[in-house]
Amino acid sequence: MEENREQNSIFSKRVKAGKRTYFFDVRATKSNDYFLTITESIRKFEEGNYVKSKIFLYKEDFNKFIEALNETIKHVKSELLPEYNFDEFTRKENNGDTPQG
């Protein structure tokens, strides 16, 4: 599955996040148009397999999606969790405390 995902991608970015991995893949349609797939992959250790959820995002929705995502994250950061240090995990990764792959 991993090989097939990479073969069909024009651009791919992987984000490891604890028990989850997110994949951002740019793909092409048959008519050479482009869209984005966002995949969340969670390994179920007791079963030894992965549970995947996927979103297909088309170019005409990019701006609306980014605007809604930014607005939602801003609301969580400023209104719901203003005291939380969202940079805590970024520093751990950048300092080498968390393995990167």
PDB file of N, CA and C in Angstrom:
ATOM      1  N   MET A   1       0.826  -1.191   0.000  1.00  0.00           N
ATOM      2  CA  MET A   1       0.000   0.000   0.000  1.00  0.00           C
ATOM      3  C   MET A   1       0.871   1.256   0.000  1.00  0.00           C
ATOM      4  N   GLU A   2       1.915   1.260   0.806  1.00  0.00           N
ATOM      5  CA  GLU A   2       2.809   2.417   0.891  1.00  0.00           C
ATOM      6  C   GLU A   2       3.449   2.687  -0.457  1.00  0.00           C
ATOM      7  N   GLU A   3       3.918   1.642  -1.157  1.00  0.00           N
ATOM      8  CA  GLU A   3       4.537   1.838  -2.464  1.00  0.00           C
ATOM      9  C   GLU A   3       3.532   2.415  -3.447  1.00  0.00           C
ATOM     10  N   ASN A   4       2.303   1.908  -3.449  1.00  0.00           N
ATOM     11  CA  ASN A   4       1.267   2.382  -4.352  1.00  0.00           C
ATOM     12  C   ASN A   4       0.951   3.847  -4.082  1.00  0.00           C
ATOM     13  N   ARG A   5       0.884   4.247  -2.816  1.00  0.00           N
ATOM     14  CA  ARG A   5       0.603   5.629  -2.460  1.00  0.00           C
ATOM     15  C   ARG A   5       1.681   6.540  -3.018  1.00  0.00           C
ATOM     16  N   GLU A   6       2.954   6.168  -2.866  1.00  0.00           N
ATOM     17  CA  GLU A   6       4.043   7.012  -3.331  1.00  0.00           C
ATOM     18  C   GLU A   6       4.153   7.023  -4.849  1.00  0.00           C
ATOM     19  N   GLN A   7       3.849   5.914  -5.507  1.00  0.00           N
ATOM     20  CA  GLN A   7       3.929   5.868  -6.968  1.00  0.00           C
ATOM     21  C   GLN A   7       2.912   6.796  -7.611  1.00  0.00           C
ATOM     22  N   ASN A   8       1.744   6.953  -7.005  1.00  0.00           N
ATOM     23  CA  ASN A   8       0.683   7.773  -7.568  1.00  0.00           C
ATOM     24  C   ASN A   8       0.769   9.233  -7.144  1.00  0.00           C
ATOM     25  N   SER A   9       1.720   9.564  -6.300  1.00  0.00           N
ATOM     26  CA  SER A   9       1.835  10.928  -5.798  1.00  0.00           C
ATOM     27  C   SER A   9       2.813  11.744  -6.617  1.00  0.00           C
ATOM     28  N   ILE A  10       2.472  13.009  -6.817  1.00  0.00           N
ATOM     29  CA  ILE A  10       3.357  13.958  -7.476  1.00  0.00           C
ATOM     30  C   ILE A  10       4.231  14.630  -6.426  1.00  0.00           C
ATOM     31  N   PHE A  11       3.656  14.834  -5.259  1.00  0.00           N
ATOM     32  CA  PHE A  11       4.361  15.414  -4.117  1.00  0.00           C
ATOM     33  C   PHE A  11       3.787  14.764  -2.876  1.00  0.00           C
ATOM     34  N   SER A  12       4.642  14.464  -1.899  1.00  0.00           N
ATOM     35  CA  SER A  12       4.167  13.824  -0.687  1.00  0.00           C
ATOM     36  C   SER A  12       4.906  14.375   0.520  1.00  0.00           C
ATOM     37  N   LYS A  13       4.173  14.583   1.592  1.00  0.00           N
ATOM     38  CA  LYS A  13       4.753  15.049   2.852  1.00  0.00           C
ATOM     39  C   LYS A  13       4.187  14.180   3.969  1.00  0.00           C
ATOM     40  N   ARG A  14       5.073  13.619   4.792  1.00  0.00           N
ATOM     41  CA  ARG A  14       4.660  12.772   5.912  1.00  0.00           C
ATOM     42  C   ARG A  14       4.905  13.528   7.209  1.00  0.00           C
ATOM     43  N   VAL A  15       3.908  13.472   8.120  1.00  0.00           N
ATOM     44  CA  VAL A  15       4.026  14.109   9.426  1.00  0.00           C
ATOM     45  C   VAL A  15       3.768  13.041  10.488  1.00  0.00           C
ATOM     46  N   LYS A  16       4.811  12.697  11.239  1.00  0.00           N
ATOM     47  CA  LYS A  16       4.650  11.758  12.340  1.00  0.00           C
ATOM     48  C   LYS A  16       4.148  12.524  13.548  1.00  0.00           C
ATOM     49  N   ALA A  17       3.125  11.990  14.203  1.00  0.00           N
ATOM     50  CA  ALA A  17       2.519  12.663  15.349  1.00  0.00           C
ATOM     51  C   ALA A  17       2.119  11.626  16.391  1.00  0.00           C
ATOM     52  N   GLY A  18       3.099  11.140  17.145  1.00  0.00           N
ATOM     53  CA  GLY A  18       2.809  10.134  18.166  1.00  0.00           C
ATOM     54  C   GLY A  18       2.370   8.829  17.531  1.00  0.00           C
ATOM     55  N   LYS A  19       1.181   8.360  17.895  1.00  0.00           N
ATOM     56  CA  LYS A  19       0.655   7.099  17.369  1.00  0.00           C
ATOM     57  C   LYS A  19       0.080   7.255  15.966  1.00  0.00           C
ATOM     58  N   ARG A  20       0.027   8.487  15.490  1.00  0.00           N
ATOM     59  CA  ARG A  20      -0.558   8.768  14.181  1.00  0.00           C
ATOM     60  C   ARG A  20       0.514   9.239  13.211  1.00  0.00           C
ATOM     61  N   THR A  21       0.250   8.982  11.947  1.00  0.00           N
ATOM     62  CA  THR A  21       1.049   9.564  10.880  1.00  0.00           C
ATOM     63  C   THR A  21       0.066  10.165   9.884  1.00  0.00           C
ATOM     64  N   TYR A  22       0.375  11.394   9.459  1.00  0.00           N
ATOM     65  CA  TYR A  22      -0.455  12.069   8.462  1.00  0.00           C
ATOM     66  C   TYR A  22       0.331  12.127   7.163  1.00  0.00           C
ATOM     67  N   PHE A  23      -0.352  11.869   6.064  1.00  0.00           N
ATOM     68  CA  PHE A  23       0.249  11.956   4.740  1.00  0.00           C
ATOM     69  C   PHE A  23      -0.509  13.007   3.943  1.00  0.00           C
ATOM     70  N   PHE A  24       0.232  13.926   3.351  1.00  0.00           N
ATOM     71  CA  PHE A  24      -0.334  14.939   2.464  1.00  0.00           C
ATOM     72  C   PHE A  24       0.213  14.637   1.073  1.00  0.00           C
ATOM     73  N   ASP A  25      -0.646  14.206   0.180  1.00  0.00           N
ATOM     74  CA  ASP A  25      -0.220  13.782  -1.151  1.00  0.00           C
ATOM     75  C   ASP A  25      -0.926  14.582  -2.232  1.00  0.00           C
ATOM     76  N   VAL A  26      -0.146  15.117  -3.171  1.00  0.00           N
ATOM     77  CA  VAL A  26      -0.701  15.756  -4.352  1.00  0.00           C
ATOM     78  C   VAL A  26      -0.800  14.691  -5.433  1.00  0.00           C
ATOM     79  N   ARG A  27      -1.959  14.582  -6.023  1.00  0.00           N
ATOM     80  CA  ARG A  27      -2.203  13.591  -7.076  1.00  0.00           C
ATOM     81  C   ARG A  27      -2.768  14.278  -8.313  1.00  0.00           C
ATOM     82  N   ALA A  28      -2.678  13.574  -9.426  1.00  0.00           N
ATOM     83  CA  ALA A  28      -3.203  14.112 -10.683  1.00  0.00           C
ATOM     84  C   ALA A  28      -4.391  13.271 -11.151  1.00  0.00           C
ATOM     85  N   THR A  29      -5.346  13.955 -11.772  1.00  0.00           N
ATOM     86  CA  THR A  29      -6.455  13.256 -12.403  1.00  0.00           C
ATOM     87  C   THR A  29      -6.015  12.828 -13.806  1.00  0.00           C
ATOM     88  N   LYS A  30      -6.851  12.077 -14.483  1.00  0.00           N
ATOM     89  CA  LYS A  30      -6.546  11.659 -15.854  1.00  0.00           C
ATOM     90  C   LYS A  30      -6.432  12.851 -16.802  1.00  0.00           C
ATOM     91  N   SER A  31      -7.122  13.945 -16.466  1.00  0.00           N
ATOM     92  CA  SER A  31      -7.080  15.140 -17.312  1.00  0.00           C
ATOM     93  C   SER A  31      -6.018  16.142 -16.833  1.00  0.00           C
ATOM     94  N   ASN A  32      -5.038  15.660 -16.073  1.00  0.00           N
ATOM     95  CA  ASN A  32      -3.928  16.476 -15.566  1.00  0.00           C
ATOM     96  C   ASN A  32      -4.377  17.650 -14.704  1.00  0.00           C
ATOM     97  N   ASP A  33      -5.387  17.417 -13.906  1.00  0.00           N
ATOM     98  CA  ASP A  33      -5.782  18.370 -12.873  1.00  0.00           C
ATOM     99  C   ASP A  33      -5.223  17.815 -11.562  1.00  0.00           C
ATOM    100  N   TYR A  34      -5.164  18.622 -10.521  1.00  0.00           N
ATOM    101  CA  TYR A  34      -4.524  18.191  -9.286  1.00  0.00           C
ATOM    102  C   TYR A  34      -5.467  18.297  -8.108  1.00  0.00           C
ATOM    103  N   PHE A  35      -5.284  17.394  -7.151  1.00  0.00           N
ATOM    104  CA  PHE A  35      -6.033  17.416  -5.907  1.00  0.00           C
ATOM    105  C   PHE A  35      -5.131  16.899  -4.797  1.00  0.00           C
ATOM    106  N   LEU A  36      -5.574  17.097  -3.575  1.00  0.00           N
ATOM    107  CA  LEU A  36      -4.800  16.723  -2.404  1.00  0.00           C
ATOM    108  C   LEU A  36      -5.533  15.622  -1.652  1.00  0.00           C
ATOM    109  N   THR A  37      -4.788  14.620  -1.215  1.00  0.00           N
ATOM    110  CA  THR A  37      -5.363  13.654  -0.285  1.00  0.00           C
ATOM    111  C   THR A  37      -4.649  13.829   1.045  1.00  0.00           C
ATOM    112  N   ILE A  38      -5.429  13.841   2.108  1.00  0.00           N
ATOM    113  CA  ILE A  38      -4.899  13.896   3.468  1.00  0.00           C
ATOM    114  C   ILE A  38      -5.298  12.583   4.121  1.00  0.00           C
ATOM    115  N   THR A  39      -4.303  11.819   4.534  1.00  0.00           N
ATOM    116  CA  THR A  39      -4.554  10.509   5.122  1.00  0.00           C
ATOM    117  C   THR A  39      -4.039  10.488   6.548  1.00  0.00           C
ATOM    118  N   GLU A  40      -4.872  10.020   7.462  1.00  0.00           N
ATOM    119  CA  GLU A  40      -4.450   9.767   8.839  1.00  0.00           C
ATOM    120  C   GLU A  40      -4.307   8.263   8.971  1.00  0.00           C
ATOM    121  N   SER A  41      -3.158   7.820   9.432  1.00  0.00           N
ATOM    122  CA  SER A  41      -2.895   6.397   9.612  1.00  0.00           C
ATOM    123  C   SER A  41      -2.562   6.146  11.077  1.00  0.00           C
ATOM    124  N   ILE A  42      -3.320   5.245  11.701  1.00  0.00           N
ATOM    125  CA  ILE A  42      -3.104   4.890  13.105  1.00  0.00           C
ATOM    126  C   ILE A  42      -2.842   3.390  13.175  1.00  0.00           C
ATOM    127  N   ARG A  43      -1.731   3.018  13.794  1.00  0.00           N
ATOM    128  CA  ARG A  43      -1.411   1.595  13.936  1.00  0.00           C
ATOM    129  C   ARG A  43      -2.109   1.040  15.159  1.00  0.00           C
ATOM    130  N   LYS A  44      -2.809  -0.053  14.962  1.00  0.00           N
ATOM    131  CA  LYS A  44      -3.457  -0.782  16.047  1.00  0.00           C
ATOM    132  C   LYS A  44      -2.508  -1.907  16.452  1.00  0.00           C
ATOM    133  N   PHE A  45      -1.737  -1.679  17.518  1.00  0.00           N
ATOM    134  CA  PHE A  45      -0.663  -2.593  17.890  1.00  0.00           C
ATOM    135  C   PHE A  45      -1.161  -3.997  18.213  1.00  0.00           C
ATOM    136  N   GLU A  46      -2.298  -4.108  18.882  1.00  0.00           N
ATOM    137  CA  GLU A  46      -2.793  -5.427  19.250  1.00  0.00           C
ATOM    138  C   GLU A  46      -3.196  -6.247  18.028  1.00  0.00           C
ATOM    139  N   GLU A  47      -3.570  -5.577  16.957  1.00  0.00           N
ATOM    140  CA  GLU A  47      -3.984  -6.267  15.735  1.00  0.00           C
ATOM    141  C   GLU A  47      -2.882  -6.279  14.686  1.00  0.00           C
ATOM    142  N   GLY A  48      -1.889  -5.400  14.833  1.00  0.00           N
ATOM    143  CA  GLY A  48      -0.778  -5.343  13.894  1.00  0.00           C
ATOM    144  C   GLY A  48      -1.120  -4.740  12.538  1.00  0.00           C
ATOM    145  N   ASN A  49      -2.221  -4.004  12.446  1.00  0.00           N
ATOM    146  CA  ASN A  49      -2.578  -3.391  11.173  1.00  0.00           C
ATOM    147  C   ASN A  49      -2.816  -1.898  11.356  1.00  0.00           C
ATOM    148  N   TYR A  50      -3.141  -1.216  10.278  1.00  0.00           N
ATOM    149  CA  TYR A  50      -3.348   0.230  10.296  1.00  0.00           C
ATOM    150  C   TYR A  50      -4.797   0.562   9.991  1.00  0.00           C
ATOM    151  N   VAL A  51      -5.304   1.572  10.678  1.00  0.00           N
ATOM    152  CA  VAL A  51      -6.627   2.114  10.375  1.00  0.00           C
ATOM    153  C   VAL A  51      -6.375   3.444   9.700  1.00  0.00           C
ATOM    154  N   LYS A  52      -6.943   3.615   8.514  1.00  0.00           N
ATOM    155  CA  LYS A  52      -6.691   4.828   7.737  1.00  0.00           C
ATOM    156  C   LYS A  52      -7.986   5.568   7.448  1.00  0.00           C
ATOM    157  N   SER A  53      -7.887   6.886   7.540  1.00  0.00           N
ATOM    158  CA  SER A  53      -8.987   7.770   7.163  1.00  0.00           C
ATOM    159  C   SER A  53      -8.440   8.725   6.123  1.00  0.00           C
ATOM    160  N   LYS A  54      -9.234   9.029   5.127  1.00  0.00           N
ATOM    161  CA  LYS A  54      -8.741   9.833   4.016  1.00  0.00           C
ATOM    162  C   LYS A  54      -9.727  10.930   3.657  1.00  0.00           C
ATOM    163  N   ILE A  55      -9.169  12.110   3.340  1.00  0.00           N
ATOM    164  CA  ILE A  55      -9.937  13.252   2.841  1.00  0.00           C
ATOM    165  C   ILE A  55      -9.393  13.592   1.456  1.00  0.00           C
ATOM    166  N   PHE A  56     -10.289  13.803   0.511  1.00  0.00           N
ATOM    167  CA  PHE A  56      -9.903  14.277  -0.813  1.00  0.00           C
ATOM    168  C   PHE A  56     -10.253  15.760  -0.878  1.00  0.00           C
ATOM    169  N   LEU A  57      -9.272  16.580  -1.206  1.00  0.00           N
ATOM    170  CA  LEU A  57      -9.476  18.017  -1.238  1.00  0.00           C
ATOM    171  C   LEU A  57      -9.147  18.537  -2.636  1.00  0.00           C
ATOM    172  N   TYR A  58     -10.129  19.156  -3.270  1.00  0.00           N
ATOM    173  CA  TYR A  58      -9.974  19.615  -4.643  1.00  0.00           C
ATOM    174  C   TYR A  58      -9.617  21.098  -4.680  1.00  0.00           C
ATOM    175  N   LYS A  59      -8.915  21.507  -5.732  1.00  0.00           N
ATOM    176  CA  LYS A  59      -8.326  22.850  -5.818  1.00  0.00           C
ATOM    177  C   LYS A  59      -9.339  23.964  -5.595  1.00  0.00           C
ATOM    178  N   GLU A  60     -10.567  23.758  -6.040  1.00  0.00           N
ATOM    179  CA  GLU A  60     -11.571  24.812  -5.882  1.00  0.00           C
ATOM    180  C   GLU A  60     -11.969  25.011  -4.416  1.00  0.00           C
ATOM    181  N   ASP A  61     -11.584  24.080  -3.560  1.00  0.00           N
ATOM    182  CA  ASP A  61     -11.906  24.180  -2.136  1.00  0.00           C
ATOM    183  C   ASP A  61     -10.693  24.517  -1.271  1.00  0.00           C
ATOM    184  N   PHE A  62      -9.503  24.629  -1.851  1.00  0.00           N
ATOM    185  CA  PHE A  62      -8.285  24.884  -1.069  1.00  0.00           C
ATOM    186  C   PHE A  62      -8.430  26.102  -0.163  1.00  0.00           C
ATOM    187  N   ASN A  63      -8.811  27.241  -0.727  1.00  0.00           N
ATOM    188  CA  ASN A  63      -8.879  28.476   0.065  1.00  0.00           C
ATOM    189  C   ASN A  63      -9.916  28.389   1.176  1.00  0.00           C
ATOM    190  N   LYS A  64     -11.086  27.820   0.884  1.00  0.00           N
ATOM    191  CA  LYS A  64     -12.122  27.666   1.907  1.00  0.00           C
ATOM    192  C   LYS A  64     -11.647  26.743   3.023  1.00  0.00           C
ATOM    193  N   PHE A  65     -10.969  25.665   2.651  1.00  0.00           N
ATOM    194  CA  PHE A  65     -10.470  24.692   3.621  1.00  0.00           C
ATOM    195  C   PHE A  65      -9.427  25.331   4.530  1.00  0.00           C
ATOM    196  N   ILE A  66      -8.457  26.029   3.938  1.00  0.00           N
ATOM    197  CA  ILE A  66      -7.392  26.678   4.713  1.00  0.00           C
ATOM    198  C   ILE A  66      -7.985  27.727   5.651  1.00  0.00           C
ATOM    199  N   GLU A  67      -8.923  28.510   5.152  1.00  0.00           N
ATOM    200  CA  GLU A  67      -9.550  29.547   5.977  1.00  0.00           C
ATOM    201  C   GLU A  67     -10.275  28.926   7.169  1.00  0.00           C
ATOM    202  N   ALA A  68     -11.057  27.888   6.937  1.00  0.00           N
ATOM    203  CA  ALA A  68     -11.796  27.235   8.022  1.00  0.00           C
ATOM    204  C   ALA A  68     -10.851  26.554   9.008  1.00  0.00           C
ATOM    205  N   LEU A  69      -9.806  25.906   8.500  1.00  0.00           N
ATOM    206  CA  LEU A  69      -8.835  25.249   9.378  1.00  0.00           C
ATOM    207  C   LEU A  69      -8.118  26.274  10.251  1.00  0.00           C
ATOM    208  N   ASN A  70      -7.639  27.357   9.646  1.00  0.00           N
ATOM    209  CA  ASN A  70      -6.953  28.406  10.406  1.00  0.00           C
ATOM    210  C   ASN A  70      -7.870  29.043  11.454  1.00  0.00           C
ATOM    211  N   GLU A  71      -9.113  29.314  11.066  1.00  0.00           N
ATOM    212  CA  GLU A  71     -10.069  29.915  12.001  1.00  0.00           C
ATOM    213  C   GLU A  71     -10.347  28.972  13.175  1.00  0.00           C
ATOM    214  N   THR A  72     -10.498  27.702  12.884  1.00  0.00           N
ATOM    215  CA  THR A  72     -10.774  26.715  13.924  1.00  0.00           C
ATOM    216  C   THR A  72      -9.595  26.568  14.882  1.00  0.00           C
ATOM    217  N   ILE A  73      -8.392  26.477  14.342  1.00  0.00           N
ATOM    218  CA  ILE A  73      -7.201  26.354  15.178  1.00  0.00           C
ATOM    219  C   ILE A  73      -7.005  27.614  16.023  1.00  0.00           C
ATOM    220  N   LYS A  74      -7.213  28.772  15.420  1.00  0.00           N
ATOM    221  CA  LYS A  74      -7.094  30.038  16.157  1.00  0.00           C
ATOM    222  C   LYS A  74      -8.083  30.070  17.322  1.00  0.00           C
ATOM    223  N   HIS A  75      -9.309  29.610  17.096  1.00  0.00           N
ATOM    224  CA  HIS A  75     -10.322  29.579  18.154  1.00  0.00           C
ATOM    225  C   HIS A  75      -9.882  28.666  19.300  1.00  0.00           C
ATOM    226  N   VAL A  76      -9.395  27.496  18.980  1.00  0.00           N
ATOM    227  CA  VAL A  76      -8.945  26.567  20.023  1.00  0.00           C
ATOM    228  C   VAL A  76      -7.793  27.178  20.805  1.00  0.00           C
ATOM    229  N   LYS A  77      -6.814  27.737  20.088  1.00  0.00           N
ATOM    230  CA  LYS A  77      -5.640  28.302  20.755  1.00  0.00           C
ATOM    231  C   LYS A  77      -5.965  29.521  21.610  1.00  0.00           C
ATOM    232  N   SER A  78      -6.817  30.411  21.114  1.00  0.00           N
ATOM    233  CA  SER A  78      -7.059  31.670  21.831  1.00  0.00           C
ATOM    234  C   SER A  78      -8.238  31.601  22.798  1.00  0.00           C
ATOM    235  N   GLU A  79      -9.268  30.837  22.480  1.00  0.00           N
ATOM    236  CA  GLU A  79     -10.477  30.825  23.307  1.00  0.00           C
ATOM    237  C   GLU A  79     -10.586  29.612  24.222  1.00  0.00           C
ATOM    238  N   LEU A  80     -10.226  28.462  23.731  1.00  0.00           N
ATOM    239  CA  LEU A  80     -10.434  27.241  24.519  1.00  0.00           C
ATOM    240  C   LEU A  80      -9.213  26.830  25.339  1.00  0.00           C
ATOM    241  N   LEU A  81      -8.026  27.023  24.784  1.00  0.00           N
ATOM    242  CA  LEU A  81      -6.800  26.603  25.474  1.00  0.00           C
ATOM    243  C   LEU A  81      -5.737  27.703  25.449  1.00  0.00           C
ATOM    244  N   PRO A  82      -6.063  28.898  25.925  1.00  0.00           N
ATOM    245  CA  PRO A  82      -5.099  29.998  25.815  1.00  0.00           C
ATOM    246  C   PRO A  82      -3.824  29.784  26.635  1.00  0.00           C
ATOM    247  N   GLU A  83      -3.882  28.968  27.667  1.00  0.00           N
ATOM    248  CA  GLU A  83      -2.715  28.744  28.527  1.00  0.00           C
ATOM    249  C   GLU A  83      -1.843  27.588  28.047  1.00  0.00           C
ATOM    250  N   TYR A  84      -2.326  26.830  27.078  1.00  0.00           N
ATOM    251  CA  TYR A  84      -1.590  25.656  26.616  1.00  0.00           C
ATOM    252  C   TYR A  84      -0.418  26.067  25.736  1.00  0.00           C
ATOM    253  N   ASN A  85       0.716  25.407  25.912  1.00  0.00           N
ATOM    254  CA  ASN A  85       1.916  25.699  25.127  1.00  0.00           C
ATOM    255  C   ASN A  85       1.934  24.786  23.899  1.00  0.00           C
ATOM    256  N   PHE A  86       1.428  25.258  22.781  1.00  0.00           N
ATOM    257  CA  PHE A  86       1.355  24.458  21.570  1.00  0.00           C
ATOM    258  C   PHE A  86       2.724  24.216  20.944  1.00  0.00           C
ATOM    259  N   ASP A  87       3.739  24.962  21.342  1.00  0.00           N
ATOM    260  CA  ASP A  87       5.096  24.769  20.821  1.00  0.00           C
ATOM    261  C   ASP A  87       5.861  23.686  21.563  1.00  0.00           C
ATOM    262  N   GLU A  88       5.295  23.155  22.627  1.00  0.00           N
ATOM    263  CA  GLU A  88       5.973  22.154  23.450  1.00  0.00           C
ATOM    264  C   GLU A  88       6.454  20.956  22.627  1.00  0.00           C
ATOM    265  N   PHE A  89       5.613  20.420  21.793  1.00  0.00           N
ATOM    266  CA  PHE A  89       5.972  19.221  21.040  1.00  0.00           C
ATOM    267  C   PHE A  89       6.901  19.538  19.882  1.00  0.00           C
ATOM    268  N   THR A  90       6.794  20.709  19.306  1.00  0.00           N
ATOM    269  CA  THR A  90       7.681  21.119  18.225  1.00  0.00           C
ATOM    270  C   THR A  90       9.111  21.200  18.733  1.00  0.00           C
ATOM    271  N   ARG A  91       9.300  21.765  19.903  1.00  0.00           N
ATOM    272  CA  ARG A  91      10.640  21.875  20.480  1.00  0.00           C
ATOM    273  C   ARG A  91      11.240  20.503  20.718  1.00  0.00           C
ATOM    274  N   LYS A  92      10.455  19.551  21.219  1.00  0.00           N
ATOM    275  CA  LYS A  92      10.966  18.208  21.472  1.00  0.00           C
ATOM    276  C   LYS A  92      11.494  17.585  20.189  1.00  0.00           C
ATOM    277  N   GLU A  93      10.739  17.721  19.109  1.00  0.00           N
ATOM    278  CA  GLU A  93      11.165  17.151  17.831  1.00  0.00           C
ATOM    279  C   GLU A  93      12.419  17.839  17.324  1.00  0.00           C
ATOM    280  N   ASN A  94      12.464  19.158  17.421  1.00  0.00           N
ATOM    281  CA  ASN A  94      13.611  19.905  16.909  1.00  0.00           C
ATOM    282  C   ASN A  94      14.865  19.689  17.742  1.00  0.00           C
ATOM    283  N   ASN A  95      14.707  19.350  19.032  1.00  0.00           N
ATOM    284  CA  ASN A  95      15.866  19.106  19.888  1.00  0.00           C
ATOM    285  C   ASN A  95      16.351  17.664  19.815  1.00  0.00           C
ATOM    286  N   GLY A  96      15.699  16.828  19.013  1.00  0.00           N
ATOM    287  CA  GLY A  96      16.136  15.450  18.871  1.00  0.00           C
ATOM    288  C   GLY A  96      15.590  14.529  19.931  1.00  0.00           C
ATOM    289  N   ASP A  97      14.679  15.009  20.806  1.00  0.00           N
ATOM    290  CA  ASP A  97      14.114  14.163  21.836  1.00  0.00           C
ATOM    291  C   ASP A  97      13.142  13.154  21.258  1.00  0.00           C
ATOM    292  N   THR A  98      12.547  13.477  20.138  1.00  0.00           N
ATOM    293  CA  THR A  98      11.603  12.589  19.475  1.00  0.00           C
ATOM    294  C   THR A  98      12.200  12.126  18.168  1.00  0.00           C
ATOM    295  N   PRO A  99      12.256  10.804  17.937  1.00  0.00           N
ATOM    296  CA  PRO A  99      12.828  10.325  16.680  1.00  0.00           C
ATOM    297  C   PRO A  99      12.045  10.820  15.481  1.00  0.00           C
ATOM    298  N   GLN A 100      12.753  11.211  14.442  1.00  0.00           N
ATOM    299  CA  GLN A 100      12.130  11.608  13.185  1.00  0.00           C
ATOM    300  C   GLN A 100      12.490  10.597  12.135  1.00  0.00           C
ATOM    301  N   GLY A 101      11.569  10.382  11.169  1.00  0.00           N
ATOM    302  CA  GLY A 101      11.876   9.375  10.161  1.00  0.00           C
ATOM    303  C   GLY A 101      11.704   9.795   8.814  1.00  0.00           C
TER     304      GLY A 101
END
